[in-house]
């Protein structure tokens, strides 16, 4: 038998091989894990930073984690509708920053019964049936700010040979209806009360806007003539307060913001640049939420504690080196 037919068949087989080339079995694609986040509002730079950091940290932690954002835009009714829509998907994780706790309670209890890990953010969430709540006491933020201003004016009094501090203080809130703002105001006034010579002479809302705050501070200058310190309820408004002060006035006015984060107008950035005198660091909470989610993924039986309190702290020029070396504040144990 001639070998040529066999060779022709072999050649034909070689030509056909590319069409039926062996391919490895496709690796199984792991299903995405949805993390639904019910955001109360994004009027403040703090709330915007929460979303940005949560998005980044979830992506870095586990490629399967997929953030589903539900911004309520300040509407409690919309937030309830968003919650019910989210629960229809039976998510494994749900993070909620509540506007009104009462109508959210029943659906959140239902979510937990269906196996969703529910993480509440902020003091308002302590009223909800969450698996855990992460919060920073807002009264503590005001108390820390007031203590910082009081100590600064006490040092000035000592330098001037005075027996007790004296000073006129301005406070710029976000708005007058905000519960967190009222709590900060309570703590701030409580701290100032420890030094009777410190007087709160002007208290006005800046509505979380730089330009609005600048106008409120100009108004304070027209009405009060002068003052010694400004406490603003976020760093963007603190920047607005600085905008309103002429250089010769600014050098004699202590300006303290709130939040203490990075970014172009973040308090940490402004203190580091020598623009802002100090800020009060407010933990973002969402970073700790990601830590709890990651632990639950690694250890399915893990159940977080009912509450985790994350403390505020001052950020001043003399504290920047310590912050660079050790971070803002240690996390509590999960």
C-alpha atoms as a PDB file:
ATOM      1  CA  UNK A   1       0.000   0.000   0.000  1.00  0.00           C
ATOM      2  CA  UNK A   2       1.384   3.351  -0.981  1.00  0.00           C
ATOM      3  CA  UNK A   3       2.213   5.735   1.821  1.00  0.00           C
ATOM      4  CA  UNK A   4       1.017   8.735  -0.206  1.00  0.00           C
ATOM      5  CA  UNK A   5      -2.706   8.451   0.703  1.00  0.00           C
ATOM      6  CA  UNK A   6      -1.742   8.322   4.366  1.00  0.00           C
ATOM      7  CA  UNK A   7       0.476  11.351   3.938  1.00  0.00           C
ATOM      8  CA  UNK A   8      -2.311  13.234   2.200  1.00  0.00           C
ATOM      9  CA  UNK A   9      -4.664  12.389   5.071  1.00  0.00           C
ATOM     10  CA  UNK A  10      -2.031  13.531   7.569  1.00  0.00           C
ATOM     11  CA  UNK A  11      -1.526  16.792   5.670  1.00  0.00           C
ATOM     12  CA  UNK A  12      -5.273  17.346   5.590  1.00  0.00           C
ATOM     13  CA  UNK A  13      -5.419  16.740   9.326  1.00  0.00           C
ATOM     14  CA  UNK A  14      -2.645  19.284   9.917  1.00  0.00           C
ATOM     15  CA  UNK A  15      -4.538  21.889   7.866  1.00  0.00           C
ATOM     16  CA  UNK A  16      -7.693  21.236   9.846  1.00  0.00           C
ATOM     17  CA  UNK A  17      -5.998  21.482  13.240  1.00  0.00           C
ATOM     18  CA  UNK A  18      -6.220  25.295  13.539  1.00  0.00           C
ATOM     19  CA  UNK A  19      -9.993  25.072  13.147  1.00  0.00           C
ATOM     20  CA  UNK A  20     -10.316  22.575  15.967  1.00  0.00           C
ATOM     21  CA  UNK A  21      -7.390  23.735  18.116  1.00  0.00           C
ATOM     22  CA  UNK A  22      -7.612  22.620  21.750  1.00  0.00           C
ATOM     23  CA  UNK A  23      -8.688  25.335  24.113  1.00  0.00           C
ATOM     24  CA  UNK A  24      -8.486  25.228  27.882  1.00  0.00           C
ATOM     25  CA  UNK A  25     -11.786  25.169  29.732  1.00  0.00           C
ATOM     26  CA  UNK A  26     -12.950  28.668  30.584  1.00  0.00           C
ATOM     27  CA  UNK A  27     -12.429  29.627  34.202  1.00  0.00           C
ATOM     28  CA  UNK A  28     -15.705  29.958  36.076  1.00  0.00           C
ATOM     29  CA  UNK A  29     -16.834  33.578  36.488  1.00  0.00           C
ATOM     30  CA  UNK A  30     -17.599  34.380  40.116  1.00  0.00           C
ATOM     31  CA  UNK A  31     -20.930  36.053  40.677  1.00  0.00           C
ATOM     32  CA  UNK A  32     -20.908  39.704  41.698  1.00  0.00           C
ATOM     33  CA  UNK A  33     -21.758  40.548  45.288  1.00  0.00           C
ATOM     34  CA  UNK A  34     -23.947  43.642  45.492  1.00  0.00           C
ATOM     35  CA  UNK A  35     -23.432  46.161  48.276  1.00  0.00           C
ATOM     36  CA  UNK A  36     -26.434  48.497  48.304  1.00  0.00           C
ATOM     37  CA  UNK A  37     -25.752  51.924  49.822  1.00  0.00           C
ATOM     38  CA  UNK A  38     -28.676  54.149  50.801  1.00  0.00           C
ATOM     39  CA  UNK A  39     -27.116  57.616  51.000  1.00  0.00           C
ATOM     40  CA  UNK A  40     -29.160  60.270  52.801  1.00  0.00           C
ATOM     41  CA  UNK A  41     -27.895  63.263  50.855  1.00  0.00           C
ATOM     42  CA  UNK A  42     -24.798  64.655  49.221  1.00  0.00           C
ATOM     43  CA  UNK A  43     -25.095  68.296  50.155  1.00  0.00           C
ATOM     44  CA  UNK A  44     -21.884  68.120  52.158  1.00  0.00           C
ATOM     45  CA  UNK A  45     -18.339  67.364  51.072  1.00  0.00           C
ATOM     46  CA  UNK A  46     -18.268  64.733  53.841  1.00  0.00           C
ATOM     47  CA  UNK A  47     -21.140  62.776  52.274  1.00  0.00           C
ATOM     48  CA  UNK A  48     -19.576  63.005  48.817  1.00  0.00           C
ATOM     49  CA  UNK A  49     -16.295  61.733  50.242  1.00  0.00           C
ATOM     50  CA  UNK A  50     -18.112  58.799  51.850  1.00  0.00           C
ATOM     51  CA  UNK A  51     -19.388  57.657  48.448  1.00  0.00           C
ATOM     52  CA  UNK A  52     -16.022  58.090  46.735  1.00  0.00           C
ATOM     53  CA  UNK A  53     -14.096  56.241  49.426  1.00  0.00           C
ATOM     54  CA  UNK A  54     -16.661  53.451  49.658  1.00  0.00           C
ATOM     55  CA  UNK A  55     -16.500  52.903  45.886  1.00  0.00           C
ATOM     56  CA  UNK A  56     -12.707  52.765  45.879  1.00  0.00           C
ATOM     57  CA  UNK A  57     -12.301  50.545  48.932  1.00  0.00           C
ATOM     58  CA  UNK A  58     -14.871  47.982  47.812  1.00  0.00           C
ATOM     59  CA  UNK A  59     -13.117  47.665  44.440  1.00  0.00           C
ATOM     60  CA  UNK A  60      -9.732  47.266  46.143  1.00  0.00           C
ATOM     61  CA  UNK A  61     -11.016  44.748  48.676  1.00  0.00           C
ATOM     62  CA  UNK A  62     -12.667  42.213  46.363  1.00  0.00           C
ATOM     63  CA  UNK A  63     -13.339  42.394  42.625  1.00  0.00           C
ATOM     64  CA  UNK A  64     -16.698  40.706  43.179  1.00  0.00           C
ATOM     65  CA  UNK A  65     -18.029  43.553  45.316  1.00  0.00           C
ATOM     66  CA  UNK A  66     -20.273  45.860  43.311  1.00  0.00           C
ATOM     67  CA  UNK A  67     -21.595  49.101  44.803  1.00  0.00           C
ATOM     68  CA  UNK A  68     -25.233  49.935  44.037  1.00  0.00           C
ATOM     69  CA  UNK A  69     -25.855  53.548  45.056  1.00  0.00           C
ATOM     70  CA  UNK A  70     -29.284  54.885  46.092  1.00  0.00           C
ATOM     71  CA  UNK A  71     -28.987  58.670  46.713  1.00  0.00           C
ATOM     72  CA  UNK A  72     -32.118  59.904  48.470  1.00  0.00           C
ATOM     73  CA  UNK A  73     -31.355  63.579  47.861  1.00  0.00           C
ATOM     74  CA  UNK A  74     -32.663  64.487  51.299  1.00  0.00           C
ATOM     75  CA  UNK A  75     -36.102  62.893  50.730  1.00  0.00           C
ATOM     76  CA  UNK A  76     -37.178  60.413  53.413  1.00  0.00           C
ATOM     77  CA  UNK A  77     -40.019  59.147  51.211  1.00  0.00           C
ATOM     78  CA  UNK A  78     -37.637  58.460  48.329  1.00  0.00           C
ATOM     79  CA  UNK A  79     -35.304  56.614  50.666  1.00  0.00           C
ATOM     80  CA  UNK A  80     -38.095  54.257  51.756  1.00  0.00           C
ATOM     81  CA  UNK A  81     -38.925  53.493  48.119  1.00  0.00           C
ATOM     82  CA  UNK A  82     -35.254  52.927  47.355  1.00  0.00           C
ATOM     83  CA  UNK A  83     -34.936  50.551  50.285  1.00  0.00           C
ATOM     84  CA  UNK A  84     -37.893  48.448  49.194  1.00  0.00           C
ATOM     85  CA  UNK A  85     -36.533  48.288  45.632  1.00  0.00           C
ATOM     86  CA  UNK A  86     -33.111  47.223  46.939  1.00  0.00           C
ATOM     87  CA  UNK A  87     -34.606  44.488  49.114  1.00  0.00           C
ATOM     88  CA  UNK A  88     -36.326  42.904  46.135  1.00  0.00           C
ATOM     89  CA  UNK A  89     -32.830  41.932  44.967  1.00  0.00           C
ATOM     90  CA  UNK A  90     -32.093  40.268  48.333  1.00  0.00           C
ATOM     91  CA  UNK A  91     -28.632  41.840  48.697  1.00  0.00           C
ATOM     92  CA  UNK A  92     -25.967  40.261  50.845  1.00  0.00           C
ATOM     93  CA  UNK A  93     -24.908  43.648  52.235  1.00  0.00           C
ATOM     94  CA  UNK A  94     -26.843  46.862  52.856  1.00  0.00           C
ATOM     95  CA  UNK A  95     -25.387  50.137  54.164  1.00  0.00           C
ATOM     96  CA  UNK A  96     -27.897  52.788  55.195  1.00  0.00           C
ATOM     97  CA  UNK A  97     -27.513  56.414  56.238  1.00  0.00           C
ATOM     98  CA  UNK A  98     -31.089  57.158  57.398  1.00  0.00           C
ATOM     99  CA  UNK A  99     -33.074  60.338  56.969  1.00  0.00           C
ATOM    100  CA  UNK A 100     -36.068  59.176  59.016  1.00  0.00           C
ATOM    101  CA  UNK A 101     -35.627  56.010  61.047  1.00  0.00           C
ATOM    102  CA  UNK A 102     -39.303  55.204  61.671  1.00  0.00           C
ATOM    103  CA  UNK A 103     -40.442  54.123  58.149  1.00  0.00           C
ATOM    104  CA  UNK A 104     -37.172  52.237  57.549  1.00  0.00           C
ATOM    105  CA  UNK A 105     -37.429  50.003  60.609  1.00  0.00           C
ATOM    106  CA  UNK A 106     -39.841  47.376  59.300  1.00  0.00           C
ATOM    107  CA  UNK A 107     -38.181  46.753  55.897  1.00  0.00           C
ATOM    108  CA  UNK A 108     -34.739  46.624  57.515  1.00  0.00           C
ATOM    109  CA  UNK A 109     -35.946  43.998  59.989  1.00  0.00           C
ATOM    110  CA  UNK A 110     -37.267  42.051  57.002  1.00  0.00           C
ATOM    111  CA  UNK A 111     -33.896  42.372  55.250  1.00  0.00           C
ATOM    112  CA  UNK A 112     -32.086  40.879  58.226  1.00  0.00           C
ATOM    113  CA  UNK A 113     -34.532  37.975  58.341  1.00  0.00           C
ATOM    114  CA  UNK A 114     -33.631  37.284  54.700  1.00  0.00           C
ATOM    115  CA  UNK A 115     -29.934  37.123  55.546  1.00  0.00           C
ATOM    116  CA  UNK A 116     -28.788  40.621  54.556  1.00  0.00           C
ATOM    117  CA  UNK A 117     -26.060  42.123  56.728  1.00  0.00           C
ATOM    118  CA  UNK A 118     -27.381  45.620  57.539  1.00  0.00           C
ATOM    119  CA  UNK A 119     -24.827  48.296  58.498  1.00  0.00           C
ATOM    120  CA  UNK A 120     -26.161  51.644  59.729  1.00  0.00           C
ATOM    121  CA  UNK A 121     -24.173  54.876  59.504  1.00  0.00           C
ATOM    122  CA  UNK A 122     -24.546  57.764  61.928  1.00  0.00           C
ATOM    123  CA  UNK A 123     -26.288  58.307  65.245  1.00  0.00           C
ATOM    124  CA  UNK A 124     -29.767  58.283  63.669  1.00  0.00           C
ATOM    125  CA  UNK A 125     -29.153  54.656  62.680  1.00  0.00           C
ATOM    126  CA  UNK A 126     -28.963  53.634  66.354  1.00  0.00           C
ATOM    127  CA  UNK A 127     -32.783  53.750  66.298  1.00  0.00           C
ATOM    128  CA  UNK A 128     -32.921  51.089  63.545  1.00  0.00           C
ATOM    129  CA  UNK A 129     -32.813  47.269  63.698  1.00  0.00           C
ATOM    130  CA  UNK A 130     -29.378  47.061  62.069  1.00  0.00           C
ATOM    131  CA  UNK A 131     -26.874  44.274  62.568  1.00  0.00           C
ATOM    132  CA  UNK A 132     -24.408  46.989  63.500  1.00  0.00           C
ATOM    133  CA  UNK A 133     -24.219  50.792  63.601  1.00  0.00           C
ATOM    134  CA  UNK A 134     -21.083  52.866  63.013  1.00  0.00           C
ATOM    135  CA  UNK A 135     -21.179  56.395  64.368  1.00  0.00           C
ATOM    136  CA  UNK A 136     -19.236  59.365  65.672  1.00  0.00           C
ATOM    137  CA  UNK A 137     -21.053  61.340  68.399  1.00  0.00           C
ATOM    138  CA  UNK A 138     -21.752  64.714  66.837  1.00  0.00           C
ATOM    139  CA  UNK A 139     -21.828  66.426  70.231  1.00  0.00           C
ATOM    140  CA  UNK A 140     -18.234  65.249  70.703  1.00  0.00           C
ATOM    141  CA  UNK A 141     -17.217  67.016  67.477  1.00  0.00           C
ATOM    142  CA  UNK A 142     -18.591  70.307  68.803  1.00  0.00           C
ATOM    143  CA  UNK A 143     -17.034  69.694  72.207  1.00  0.00           C
ATOM    144  CA  UNK A 144     -13.596  68.992  70.686  1.00  0.00           C
ATOM    145  CA  UNK A 145     -13.828  72.134  68.519  1.00  0.00           C
ATOM    146  CA  UNK A 146     -14.840  74.263  71.476  1.00  0.00           C
ATOM    147  CA  UNK A 147     -12.039  72.839  73.588  1.00  0.00           C
ATOM    148  CA  UNK A 148      -9.481  73.576  70.891  1.00  0.00           C
ATOM    149  CA  UNK A 149     -10.610  77.199  70.572  1.00  0.00           C
ATOM    150  CA  UNK A 150     -10.744  77.633  74.334  1.00  0.00           C
ATOM    151  CA  UNK A 151      -7.175  76.340  74.777  1.00  0.00           C
ATOM    152  CA  UNK A 152      -5.884  78.587  71.982  1.00  0.00           C
ATOM    153  CA  UNK A 153      -7.458  81.663  73.574  1.00  0.00           C
ATOM    154  CA  UNK A 154      -6.192  80.609  77.006  1.00  0.00           C
ATOM    155  CA  UNK A 155      -2.634  80.571  75.601  1.00  0.00           C
ATOM    156  CA  UNK A 156      -3.203  84.004  74.093  1.00  0.00           C
ATOM    157  CA  UNK A 157      -4.426  85.296  77.458  1.00  0.00           C
ATOM    158  CA  UNK A 158      -1.296  83.964  79.164  1.00  0.00           C
ATOM    159  CA  UNK A 159       0.904  85.669  76.570  1.00  0.00           C
ATOM    160  CA  UNK A 160      -0.918  88.929  77.288  1.00  0.00           C
ATOM    161  CA  UNK A 161      -0.658  88.492  81.043  1.00  0.00           C
ATOM    162  CA  UNK A 162      -4.411  88.025  81.529  1.00  0.00           C
ATOM    163  CA  UNK A 163      -5.765  85.830  84.314  1.00  0.00           C
ATOM    164  CA  UNK A 164      -8.539  84.332  82.145  1.00  0.00           C
ATOM    165  CA  UNK A 165      -9.203  83.991  78.426  1.00  0.00           C
ATOM    166  CA  UNK A 166     -11.366  86.499  76.619  1.00  0.00           C
ATOM    167  CA  UNK A 167     -12.707  86.188  73.110  1.00  0.00           C
ATOM    168  CA  UNK A 168     -15.575  86.626  70.697  1.00  0.00           C
ATOM    169  CA  UNK A 169     -16.511  83.540  68.716  1.00  0.00           C
ATOM    170  CA  UNK A 170     -18.533  82.930  65.517  1.00  0.00           C
ATOM    171  CA  UNK A 171     -20.181  79.628  64.596  1.00  0.00           C
ATOM    172  CA  UNK A 172     -21.257  78.676  61.054  1.00  0.00           C
ATOM    173  CA  UNK A 173     -23.572  75.662  60.885  1.00  0.00           C
ATOM    174  CA  UNK A 174     -24.722  73.744  57.819  1.00  0.00           C
ATOM    175  CA  UNK A 175     -28.363  74.630  58.410  1.00  0.00           C
ATOM    176  CA  UNK A 176     -30.499  75.229  61.465  1.00  0.00           C
ATOM    177  CA  UNK A 177     -32.723  72.151  61.012  1.00  0.00           C
ATOM    178  CA  UNK A 178     -29.913  69.600  60.846  1.00  0.00           C
ATOM    179  CA  UNK A 179     -29.882  67.262  63.879  1.00  0.00           C
ATOM    180  CA  UNK A 180     -26.124  66.731  63.649  1.00  0.00           C
ATOM    181  CA  UNK A 181     -25.648  70.495  63.593  1.00  0.00           C
ATOM    182  CA  UNK A 182     -27.742  70.934  66.725  1.00  0.00           C
ATOM    183  CA  UNK A 183     -25.699  68.277  68.514  1.00  0.00           C
ATOM    184  CA  UNK A 184     -22.427  69.952  67.483  1.00  0.00           C
ATOM    185  CA  UNK A 185     -23.783  73.285  68.678  1.00  0.00           C
ATOM    186  CA  UNK A 186     -24.630  71.769  72.078  1.00  0.00           C
ATOM    187  CA  UNK A 187     -21.134  70.370  72.491  1.00  0.00           C
ATOM    188  CA  UNK A 188     -19.491  73.562  71.259  1.00  0.00           C
ATOM    189  CA  UNK A 189     -21.411  75.790  73.655  1.00  0.00           C
ATOM    190  CA  UNK A 190     -20.721  73.375  76.504  1.00  0.00           C
ATOM    191  CA  UNK A 191     -16.958  73.594  75.878  1.00  0.00           C
ATOM    192  CA  UNK A 192     -16.991  77.400  75.657  1.00  0.00           C
ATOM    193  CA  UNK A 193     -18.984  77.611  78.893  1.00  0.00           C
ATOM    194  CA  UNK A 194     -15.893  76.396  80.722  1.00  0.00           C
ATOM    195  CA  UNK A 195     -14.385  79.847  80.128  1.00  0.00           C
ATOM    196  CA  UNK A 196     -16.924  82.610  80.897  1.00  0.00           C
ATOM    197  CA  UNK A 197     -14.856  85.203  79.032  1.00  0.00           C
ATOM    198  CA  UNK A 198     -15.503  83.427  75.715  1.00  0.00           C
ATOM    199  CA  UNK A 199     -18.725  84.641  74.132  1.00  0.00           C
ATOM    200  CA  UNK A 200     -20.530  83.237  71.086  1.00  0.00           C
ATOM    201  CA  UNK A 201     -21.452  86.483  69.353  1.00  0.00           C
ATOM    202  CA  UNK A 202     -22.730  85.213  65.994  1.00  0.00           C
ATOM    203  CA  UNK A 203     -24.348  81.921  64.924  1.00  0.00           C
ATOM    204  CA  UNK A 204     -25.584  81.538  61.336  1.00  0.00           C
ATOM    205  CA  UNK A 205     -26.135  78.840  58.678  1.00  0.00           C
ATOM    206  CA  UNK A 206     -23.794  78.601  55.690  1.00  0.00           C
ATOM    207  CA  UNK A 207     -25.889  75.878  54.014  1.00  0.00           C
ATOM    208  CA  UNK A 208     -22.746  73.833  53.284  1.00  0.00           C
ATOM    209  CA  UNK A 209     -21.620  76.362  50.640  1.00  0.00           C
ATOM    210  CA  UNK A 210     -18.364  78.275  50.467  1.00  0.00           C
ATOM    211  CA  UNK A 211     -19.862  81.462  48.989  1.00  0.00           C
ATOM    212  CA  UNK A 212     -22.820  81.469  51.385  1.00  0.00           C
ATOM    213  CA  UNK A 213     -20.469  81.104  54.339  1.00  0.00           C
ATOM    214  CA  UNK A 214     -18.276  83.952  53.126  1.00  0.00           C
ATOM    215  CA  UNK A 215     -21.340  86.197  53.066  1.00  0.00           C
ATOM    216  CA  UNK A 216     -22.358  85.120  56.588  1.00  0.00           C
ATOM    217  CA  UNK A 217     -18.877  85.932  57.900  1.00  0.00           C
ATOM    218  CA  UNK A 218     -18.898  89.350  56.194  1.00  0.00           C
ATOM    219  CA  UNK A 219     -22.251  89.914  57.865  1.00  0.00           C
ATOM    220  CA  UNK A 220     -20.721  88.974  61.224  1.00  0.00           C
ATOM    221  CA  UNK A 221     -17.943  91.490  60.633  1.00  0.00           C
ATOM    222  CA  UNK A 222     -20.482  94.242  59.856  1.00  0.00           C
ATOM    223  CA  UNK A 223     -22.574  93.443  62.929  1.00  0.00           C
ATOM    224  CA  UNK A 224     -19.856  92.565  65.443  1.00  0.00           C
ATOM    225  CA  UNK A 225     -16.939  94.682  64.289  1.00  0.00           C
ATOM    226  CA  UNK A 226     -14.415  91.996  65.207  1.00  0.00           C
ATOM    227  CA  UNK A 227     -14.110  88.456  66.580  1.00  0.00           C
ATOM    228  CA  UNK A 228     -11.345  86.062  67.552  1.00  0.00           C
ATOM    229  CA  UNK A 229     -12.375  82.623  66.274  1.00  0.00           C
ATOM    230  CA  UNK A 230     -14.665  80.900  63.774  1.00  0.00           C
ATOM    231  CA  UNK A 231     -15.952  77.337  64.043  1.00  0.00           C
ATOM    232  CA  UNK A 232     -17.396  76.043  60.753  1.00  0.00           C
ATOM    233  CA  UNK A 233     -19.319  72.780  60.555  1.00  0.00           C
ATOM    234  CA  UNK A 234     -17.368  71.575  57.536  1.00  0.00           C
ATOM    235  CA  UNK A 235     -14.067  72.384  55.876  1.00  0.00           C
ATOM    236  CA  UNK A 236     -15.573  73.851  52.712  1.00  0.00           C
ATOM    237  CA  UNK A 237     -17.408  76.406  54.855  1.00  0.00           C
ATOM    238  CA  UNK A 238     -14.198  77.037  56.812  1.00  0.00           C
ATOM    239  CA  UNK A 239     -12.553  77.920  53.484  1.00  0.00           C
ATOM    240  CA  UNK A 240     -15.457  80.301  52.827  1.00  0.00           C
ATOM    241  CA  UNK A 241     -14.886  81.953  56.196  1.00  0.00           C
ATOM    242  CA  UNK A 242     -11.234  82.518  55.292  1.00  0.00           C
ATOM    243  CA  UNK A 243     -12.277  84.007  51.931  1.00  0.00           C
ATOM    244  CA  UNK A 244     -14.252  86.680  53.802  1.00  0.00           C
ATOM    245  CA  UNK A 245     -11.368  87.806  55.998  1.00  0.00           C
ATOM    246  CA  UNK A 246      -8.953  90.462  54.759  1.00  0.00           C
ATOM    247  CA  UNK A 247      -5.277  89.476  55.361  1.00  0.00           C
ATOM    248  CA  UNK A 248      -4.831  91.930  58.249  1.00  0.00           C
ATOM    249  CA  UNK A 249      -7.979  90.522  59.911  1.00  0.00           C
ATOM    250  CA  UNK A 250      -7.241  86.876  59.097  1.00  0.00           C
ATOM    251  CA  UNK A 251      -3.946  86.826  60.989  1.00  0.00           C
ATOM    252  CA  UNK A 252      -5.806  87.552  64.239  1.00  0.00           C
ATOM    253  CA  UNK A 253      -8.715  85.109  63.749  1.00  0.00           C
ATOM    254  CA  UNK A 254      -8.487  81.386  64.500  1.00  0.00           C
ATOM    255  CA  UNK A 255     -10.505  79.376  61.930  1.00  0.00           C
ATOM    256  CA  UNK A 256     -11.475  75.779  62.724  1.00  0.00           C
ATOM    257  CA  UNK A 257     -13.271  73.470  60.291  1.00  0.00           C
ATOM    258  CA  UNK A 258     -14.769  70.005  60.495  1.00  0.00           C
ATOM    259  CA  UNK A 259     -14.114  66.680  58.692  1.00  0.00           C
ATOM    260  CA  UNK A 260     -10.323  66.708  58.246  1.00  0.00           C
ATOM    261  CA  UNK A 261     -10.096  64.722  55.015  1.00  0.00           C
ATOM    262  CA  UNK A 262      -7.970  65.051  51.864  1.00  0.00           C
ATOM    263  CA  UNK A 263      -8.933  66.556  48.533  1.00  0.00           C
ATOM    264  CA  UNK A 264      -8.527  70.066  47.192  1.00  0.00           C
ATOM    265  CA  UNK A 265     -10.600  71.725  49.932  1.00  0.00           C
ATOM    266  CA  UNK A 266     -10.344  68.965  52.518  1.00  0.00           C
ATOM    267  CA  UNK A 267      -9.388  70.051  56.014  1.00  0.00           C
ATOM    268  CA  UNK A 268      -6.266  67.890  56.207  1.00  0.00           C
ATOM    269  CA  UNK A 269      -5.056  69.382  52.924  1.00  0.00           C
ATOM    270  CA  UNK A 270      -5.806  72.951  54.038  1.00  0.00           C
ATOM    271  CA  UNK A 271      -4.081  72.549  57.402  1.00  0.00           C
ATOM    272  CA  UNK A 272      -1.070  70.964  55.702  1.00  0.00           C
ATOM    273  CA  UNK A 273      -0.925  73.916  53.281  1.00  0.00           C
ATOM    274  CA  UNK A 274      -1.077  76.453  56.122  1.00  0.00           C
ATOM    275  CA  UNK A 275      -4.439  77.822  54.946  1.00  0.00           C
ATOM    276  CA  UNK A 276      -6.633  76.506  57.773  1.00  0.00           C
ATOM    277  CA  UNK A 277      -5.600  76.711  61.430  1.00  0.00           C
ATOM    278  CA  UNK A 278      -7.208  73.445  62.498  1.00  0.00           C
ATOM    279  CA  UNK A 279      -9.974  71.004  61.734  1.00  0.00           C
ATOM    280  CA  UNK A 280     -11.830  68.289  63.603  1.00  0.00           C
ATOM    281  CA  UNK A 281     -11.432  64.906  61.949  1.00  0.00           C
ATOM    282  CA  UNK A 282     -14.741  63.102  61.530  1.00  0.00           C
ATOM    283  CA  UNK A 283     -14.294  59.393  60.638  1.00  0.00           C
ATOM    284  CA  UNK A 284     -15.928  58.515  57.312  1.00  0.00           C
ATOM    285  CA  UNK A 285     -17.395  55.281  58.757  1.00  0.00           C
ATOM    286  CA  UNK A 286     -17.634  53.662  55.319  1.00  0.00           C
ATOM    287  CA  UNK A 287     -14.002  52.527  55.531  1.00  0.00           C
ATOM    288  CA  UNK A 288     -14.847  50.570  58.662  1.00  0.00           C
ATOM    289  CA  UNK A 289     -17.984  49.219  56.968  1.00  0.00           C
ATOM    290  CA  UNK A 290     -15.764  47.751  54.223  1.00  0.00           C
ATOM    291  CA  UNK A 291     -13.572  46.171  56.905  1.00  0.00           C
ATOM    292  CA  UNK A 292     -16.655  44.454  58.385  1.00  0.00           C
ATOM    293  CA  UNK A 293     -17.867  43.313  54.955  1.00  0.00           C
ATOM    294  CA  UNK A 294     -14.450  41.828  54.155  1.00  0.00           C
ATOM    295  CA  UNK A 295     -14.393  39.987  57.467  1.00  0.00           C
ATOM    296  CA  UNK A 296     -17.862  38.577  56.808  1.00  0.00           C
ATOM    297  CA  UNK A 297     -16.743  37.327  53.374  1.00  0.00           C
ATOM    298  CA  UNK A 298     -13.730  35.599  54.914  1.00  0.00           C
ATOM    299  CA  UNK A 299     -15.646  34.303  57.920  1.00  0.00           C
ATOM    300  CA  UNK A 300     -19.331  33.693  57.038  1.00  0.00           C
ATOM    301  CA  UNK A 301     -20.189  33.090  60.710  1.00  0.00           C
ATOM    302  CA  UNK A 302     -18.802  36.491  61.760  1.00  0.00           C
ATOM    303  CA  UNK A 303     -21.379  38.718  63.459  1.00  0.00           C
ATOM    304  CA  UNK A 304     -20.338  42.322  64.152  1.00  0.00           C
ATOM    305  CA  UNK A 305     -20.984  44.049  67.458  1.00  0.00           C
ATOM    306  CA  UNK A 306     -24.247  46.014  67.723  1.00  0.00           C
ATOM    307  CA  UNK A 307     -22.371  49.342  67.686  1.00  0.00           C
ATOM    308  CA  UNK A 308     -18.940  50.757  66.958  1.00  0.00           C
ATOM    309  CA  UNK A 309     -18.128  54.288  68.107  1.00  0.00           C
ATOM    310  CA  UNK A 310     -15.371  55.995  66.106  1.00  0.00           C
ATOM    311  CA  UNK A 311     -13.916  59.034  67.834  1.00  0.00           C
ATOM    312  CA  UNK A 312     -13.152  62.474  66.367  1.00  0.00           C
ATOM    313  CA  UNK A 313      -9.783  64.143  66.861  1.00  0.00           C
ATOM    314  CA  UNK A 314      -8.092  67.460  66.258  1.00  0.00           C
ATOM    315  CA  UNK A 315      -5.905  68.060  63.219  1.00  0.00           C
ATOM    316  CA  UNK A 316      -3.466  70.909  63.810  1.00  0.00           C
ATOM    317  CA  UNK A 317      -0.100  71.751  62.201  1.00  0.00           C
ATOM    318  CA  UNK A 318       1.814  70.233  65.128  1.00  0.00           C
ATOM    319  CA  UNK A 319      -0.126  66.945  64.776  1.00  0.00           C
ATOM    320  CA  UNK A 320       0.528  66.421  61.055  1.00  0.00           C
ATOM    321  CA  UNK A 321       3.746  64.416  61.513  1.00  0.00           C
ATOM    322  CA  UNK A 322       2.030  62.036  63.936  1.00  0.00           C
ATOM    323  CA  UNK A 323      -0.891  61.626  61.521  1.00  0.00           C
ATOM    324  CA  UNK A 324       1.487  60.847  58.645  1.00  0.00           C
ATOM    325  CA  UNK A 325       3.221  58.184  60.738  1.00  0.00           C
ATOM    326  CA  UNK A 326       0.287  56.651  62.597  1.00  0.00           C
ATOM    327  CA  UNK A 327      -2.878  57.621  60.726  1.00  0.00           C
ATOM    328  CA  UNK A 328      -5.817  59.599  62.020  1.00  0.00           C
ATOM    329  CA  UNK A 329      -7.073  57.169  64.648  1.00  0.00           C
ATOM    330  CA  UNK A 330      -6.970  53.395  65.251  1.00  0.00           C
ATOM    331  CA  UNK A 331     -10.017  51.355  64.277  1.00  0.00           C
ATOM    332  CA  UNK A 332     -11.922  49.625  67.058  1.00  0.00           C
ATOM    333  CA  UNK A 333     -11.631  45.840  67.203  1.00  0.00           C
ATOM    334  CA  UNK A 334     -14.296  44.199  64.975  1.00  0.00           C
END
